[in-house]
Amino acid sequence: MPQLDVITKGLIPYETAWKYQRELHAQRLAGDIPDTLVLLEHPPVYTFGKNSDRSNLIDPLDAEVIQSDRGGDITWHGPGQLVGYPIINLEEHKKSVSWYMRNLEEVIISTLKEFEISGDRISGMTGVWVGNQKICAMGVRLSRWVTMHGFALNVRPDMSYFNGMIPCGIKGKGVVSMKDLLGKEIEIEDVIPPLIQAFRSVFNFHDQVNL
């Protein structure tokens, strides 16, 4: 089984984390580091995917706006949202983008189960949903089968920022947070351990994780 390193970074500006991802990606390609999962939060920022429709940004409020190189449409990141950037070599797992995306979704579904929240997939749409509301957005980039970017799980963010855009360019569906569903306070630190365990299990990593 492959090895996984986990790095937690706290609150990091989007472009700083993006640069860090590129450095890790190069190191992973060179075989200098094992598969790595970076967990962090961002200050408020709207990011466009490669094929985004700019009209999906309605009002950026006080957030940054950045063009990213990931897949997917517009999304928002901010404090209270747990963002995960897996830098993993799919040649050592399975060379399939759809397999990778379904596994990322399974990680989130398994994590939510630990909090008695029933997450699910919607056919033809990426991410994880609770009913008709998205709780976790996903957008990735692969280069030479090594992954970048990843997922954004709404733990307890300021949900008003989602009013500034059409999330993921999908009309007629909402967004929700774990705090909304639980009806009580929850912290990012509460979610990290079960998420790491789910990631390790779904992707079949060794038990030992370096934090």
Foldseek 3Di string as FASTA:
>chain_A
DFAEAEAEDEEDAPVVVVVVQVVVLVCVVVVNDAKYKYKYFYAKEKEAEPPEDVVQQAAQDPHHYYYDDWDFGIDITHPQKIWMWIFHACVVFPQDPVLVQVLLQQLVQQLVVVVVQHWDDDPPAGAIARVQAGQKDFIWDADNRTITGTMIGRADDPQVSCVRGVHRPDPPGHHDHVCRVNVHDDGPVVRVVSSVVSSCVSRVHDPDYHD
